[in-house]
Each structure stands twice: as C-alpha cells, then as structure tokens.
Amino acid sequence: MTNRQEPARRTRQRRPFFVRRGPMENIATMLIAAGFLMLFQPFLLALYTYSLAALLAGTVMFIIVSKFPE
C-alpha cells in the first residue's frame, strides 16, 4: 500500500435550480416564445388575452435572471 495523497478537490456548492442562470434563462425564453405563439394563434380568445402578460412576464424574468452569477 502506498500513501498517496489525493489532490484537494474543489468543493463548489451547487445552487438551487431557481437561482441558476442557465436553466432560468431557458425558461424565460420559452415563456416569451409561448407568448408569441399565443399572440399569433387564431383559435382561442383566452390565449390571445393572456399573450401580452406572458410576453411581459418572460421579458422581465429574462432581465432579472440575466443578472444572476454564472
């Protein structure tokens, strides 16, 4: 048996899902895309009604999440 020292590993704590930048930017982008689809569909008035709210929520979310650390 040899006494080899293991290299010191960096223990980086993983942030919770809702604080990570990458996944939250993807969710915000999907919300913006859903808002556009809701805006341009000709079938349901309810989807058209909430399309602007979805677009605004996705845009605000993207602006806030883009300030998160990597």
N, C-alpha and C. Protein backbone atom coordinates (compact mmCIF):
# COMPACT_ATOMS: atom_id res chain seq x y z
N MET A 1 0.83 -1.18 0.00
CA MET A 1 0.00 0.00 0.00
C MET A 1 0.87 1.24 0.00
N THR A 2 0.47 2.16 -0.78
CA THR A 2 1.21 3.41 -0.84
C THR A 2 0.37 4.51 -0.21
N ASN A 3 1.05 5.43 0.38
CA ASN A 3 0.38 6.57 0.99
C ASN A 3 0.38 7.74 0.01
N ARG A 4 -0.53 7.70 -0.89
CA ARG A 4 -0.64 8.81 -1.84
C ARG A 4 -1.70 9.77 -1.33
N GLN A 5 -1.39 11.00 -1.42
CA GLN A 5 -2.38 11.99 -1.03
C GLN A 5 -3.25 12.33 -2.23
N GLU A 6 -4.52 12.34 -1.98
CA GLU A 6 -5.43 12.70 -3.06
C GLU A 6 -5.38 14.21 -3.26
N PRO A 7 -5.46 14.63 -4.50
CA PRO A 7 -5.44 16.08 -4.74
C PRO A 7 -6.68 16.72 -4.11
N ALA A 8 -6.47 17.90 -3.62
CA ALA A 8 -7.58 18.63 -2.99
C ALA A 8 -8.62 18.97 -4.05
N ARG A 9 -9.80 18.50 -3.83
CA ARG A 9 -10.88 18.76 -4.79
C ARG A 9 -11.59 20.04 -4.42
N ARG A 10 -11.93 20.74 -5.42
CA ARG A 10 -12.72 21.95 -5.18
C ARG A 10 -14.14 21.53 -4.87
N THR A 11 -14.60 21.95 -3.74
CA THR A 11 -15.99 21.65 -3.38
C THR A 11 -16.81 22.89 -3.65
N ARG A 12 -17.41 22.89 -4.79
CA ARG A 12 -18.24 24.02 -5.19
C ARG A 12 -19.69 23.65 -4.92
N GLN A 13 -20.34 24.47 -4.15
CA GLN A 13 -21.73 24.18 -3.83
C GLN A 13 -22.60 24.47 -5.04
N ARG A 14 -23.51 23.55 -5.30
CA ARG A 14 -24.46 23.76 -6.38
C ARG A 14 -25.61 24.60 -5.87
N ARG A 15 -25.94 25.58 -6.64
CA ARG A 15 -27.06 26.44 -6.25
C ARG A 15 -28.38 25.74 -6.58
N PRO A 16 -29.44 26.12 -5.89
CA PRO A 16 -30.75 25.55 -6.23
C PRO A 16 -31.13 25.90 -7.66
N PHE A 17 -32.05 25.12 -8.21
CA PHE A 17 -32.44 25.27 -9.61
C PHE A 17 -32.92 26.67 -9.94
N PHE A 18 -33.70 27.27 -9.04
CA PHE A 18 -34.30 28.57 -9.32
C PHE A 18 -33.31 29.72 -9.17
N VAL A 19 -32.06 29.45 -8.81
CA VAL A 19 -31.06 30.50 -8.70
C VAL A 19 -29.99 30.37 -9.78
N ARG A 20 -30.00 29.27 -10.52
CA ARG A 20 -29.01 29.08 -11.57
C ARG A 20 -29.41 29.85 -12.82
N ARG A 21 -28.45 30.46 -13.45
CA ARG A 21 -28.71 31.35 -14.58
C ARG A 21 -29.15 30.61 -15.84
N GLY A 22 -28.45 29.57 -16.21
CA GLY A 22 -28.71 28.87 -17.47
C GLY A 22 -30.12 28.32 -17.60
N PRO A 23 -30.56 27.49 -16.65
CA PRO A 23 -31.91 26.94 -16.77
C PRO A 23 -33.01 28.00 -16.70
N MET A 24 -32.80 29.02 -15.87
CA MET A 24 -33.83 30.05 -15.73
C MET A 24 -33.91 30.92 -16.99
N GLU A 25 -32.78 31.15 -17.66
CA GLU A 25 -32.83 31.88 -18.93
C GLU A 25 -33.59 31.07 -19.97
N ASN A 26 -33.40 29.75 -19.96
CA ASN A 26 -34.14 28.90 -20.90
C ASN A 26 -35.64 28.95 -20.63
N ILE A 27 -36.02 28.93 -19.36
CA ILE A 27 -37.44 29.00 -19.02
C ILE A 27 -38.02 30.35 -19.43
N ALA A 28 -37.28 31.42 -19.20
CA ALA A 28 -37.76 32.75 -19.60
C ALA A 28 -37.92 32.84 -21.12
N THR A 29 -36.98 32.26 -21.86
CA THR A 29 -37.06 32.27 -23.32
C THR A 29 -38.26 31.47 -23.80
N MET A 30 -38.51 30.33 -23.16
CA MET A 30 -39.68 29.53 -23.55
C MET A 30 -40.98 30.27 -23.22
N LEU A 31 -41.01 31.02 -22.14
CA LEU A 31 -42.19 31.81 -21.79
C LEU A 31 -42.43 32.91 -22.82
N ILE A 32 -41.37 33.55 -23.28
CA ILE A 32 -41.50 34.57 -24.33
C ILE A 32 -42.01 33.94 -25.62
N ALA A 33 -41.45 32.78 -25.99
CA ALA A 33 -41.90 32.09 -27.20
C ALA A 33 -43.36 31.67 -27.09
N ALA A 34 -43.76 31.20 -25.91
CA ALA A 34 -45.17 30.83 -25.71
C ALA A 34 -46.07 32.05 -25.84
N GLY A 35 -45.62 33.19 -25.35
CA GLY A 35 -46.39 34.42 -25.50
C GLY A 35 -46.58 34.81 -26.96
N PHE A 36 -45.53 34.65 -27.76
CA PHE A 36 -45.67 34.95 -29.19
C PHE A 36 -46.63 33.98 -29.88
N LEU A 37 -46.51 32.70 -29.54
CA LEU A 37 -47.44 31.73 -30.12
C LEU A 37 -48.88 32.03 -29.72
N MET A 38 -49.07 32.42 -28.47
CA MET A 38 -50.41 32.77 -28.01
C MET A 38 -50.93 34.00 -28.74
N LEU A 39 -50.05 34.91 -29.06
CA LEU A 39 -50.45 36.15 -29.72
C LEU A 39 -50.87 35.92 -31.17
N PHE A 40 -50.21 34.99 -31.85
CA PHE A 40 -50.45 34.82 -33.28
C PHE A 40 -51.35 33.64 -33.64
N GLN A 41 -51.94 32.99 -32.65
CA GLN A 41 -52.85 31.89 -32.96
C GLN A 41 -54.26 32.43 -33.15
N PRO A 42 -55.02 31.88 -34.09
CA PRO A 42 -56.35 32.42 -34.40
C PRO A 42 -57.51 31.65 -33.76
N PHE A 43 -57.24 30.73 -32.81
CA PHE A 43 -58.29 29.82 -32.37
C PHE A 43 -58.96 30.20 -31.06
N LEU A 44 -58.20 30.52 -30.04
CA LEU A 44 -58.77 30.75 -28.72
C LEU A 44 -58.53 32.19 -28.26
N LEU A 45 -59.61 32.87 -27.93
CA LEU A 45 -59.51 34.25 -27.48
C LEU A 45 -58.82 34.33 -26.12
N ALA A 46 -58.99 33.31 -25.28
CA ALA A 46 -58.37 33.32 -23.96
C ALA A 46 -56.84 33.33 -24.07
N LEU A 47 -56.30 32.56 -25.00
CA LEU A 47 -54.84 32.56 -25.20
C LEU A 47 -54.37 33.93 -25.69
N TYR A 48 -55.12 34.52 -26.59
CA TYR A 48 -54.77 35.85 -27.10
C TYR A 48 -54.82 36.87 -25.97
N THR A 49 -55.79 36.72 -25.08
CA THR A 49 -55.97 37.68 -23.99
C THR A 49 -54.75 37.69 -23.07
N TYR A 50 -54.19 36.52 -22.77
CA TYR A 50 -53.07 36.44 -21.83
C TYR A 50 -51.71 36.46 -22.52
N SER A 51 -51.66 36.66 -23.81
CA SER A 51 -50.38 36.64 -24.52
C SER A 51 -49.46 37.78 -24.10
N LEU A 52 -50.01 38.98 -23.94
CA LEU A 52 -49.18 40.11 -23.54
C LEU A 52 -48.63 39.91 -22.13
N ALA A 53 -49.45 39.36 -21.25
CA ALA A 53 -48.97 39.09 -19.88
C ALA A 53 -47.83 38.07 -19.91
N ALA A 54 -47.95 37.06 -20.75
CA ALA A 54 -46.88 36.05 -20.85
C ALA A 54 -45.61 36.67 -21.43
N LEU A 55 -45.76 37.50 -22.44
CA LEU A 55 -44.59 38.16 -23.03
C LEU A 55 -43.89 39.06 -22.00
N LEU A 56 -44.66 39.84 -21.29
CA LEU A 56 -44.07 40.74 -20.30
C LEU A 56 -43.42 39.97 -19.16
N ALA A 57 -44.08 38.92 -18.69
CA ALA A 57 -43.51 38.12 -17.60
C ALA A 57 -42.20 37.47 -18.04
N GLY A 58 -42.16 36.93 -19.25
CA GLY A 58 -40.94 36.32 -19.76
C GLY A 58 -39.81 37.33 -19.93
N THR A 59 -40.15 38.51 -20.42
CA THR A 59 -39.15 39.55 -20.62
C THR A 59 -38.57 40.04 -19.29
N VAL A 60 -39.44 40.31 -18.33
CA VAL A 60 -38.97 40.76 -17.02
C VAL A 60 -38.15 39.66 -16.35
N MET A 61 -38.60 38.43 -16.48
CA MET A 61 -37.86 37.31 -15.90
C MET A 61 -36.48 37.19 -16.53
N PHE A 62 -36.40 37.34 -17.84
CA PHE A 62 -35.11 37.24 -18.52
C PHE A 62 -34.18 38.37 -18.07
N ILE A 63 -34.70 39.57 -17.92
CA ILE A 63 -33.86 40.70 -17.49
C ILE A 63 -33.32 40.45 -16.09
N ILE A 64 -34.17 39.96 -15.19
CA ILE A 64 -33.73 39.71 -13.82
C ILE A 64 -32.74 38.55 -13.76
N VAL A 65 -33.04 37.47 -14.47
CA VAL A 65 -32.19 36.28 -14.41
C VAL A 65 -30.84 36.53 -15.07
N SER A 66 -30.79 37.42 -16.04
CA SER A 66 -29.50 37.67 -16.70
C SER A 66 -28.50 38.36 -15.78
N LYS A 67 -28.96 38.84 -14.65
CA LYS A 67 -28.05 39.46 -13.66
C LYS A 67 -27.49 38.44 -12.68
N PHE A 68 -28.00 37.20 -12.69
CA PHE A 68 -27.52 36.16 -11.79
C PHE A 68 -26.08 35.79 -12.14
N PRO A 69 -25.30 35.34 -11.15
CA PRO A 69 -23.93 34.88 -11.48
C PRO A 69 -23.98 33.58 -12.26
N GLU A 70 -22.91 33.31 -12.99
CA GLU A 70 -22.82 32.09 -13.80
C GLU A 70 -22.89 30.86 -12.95
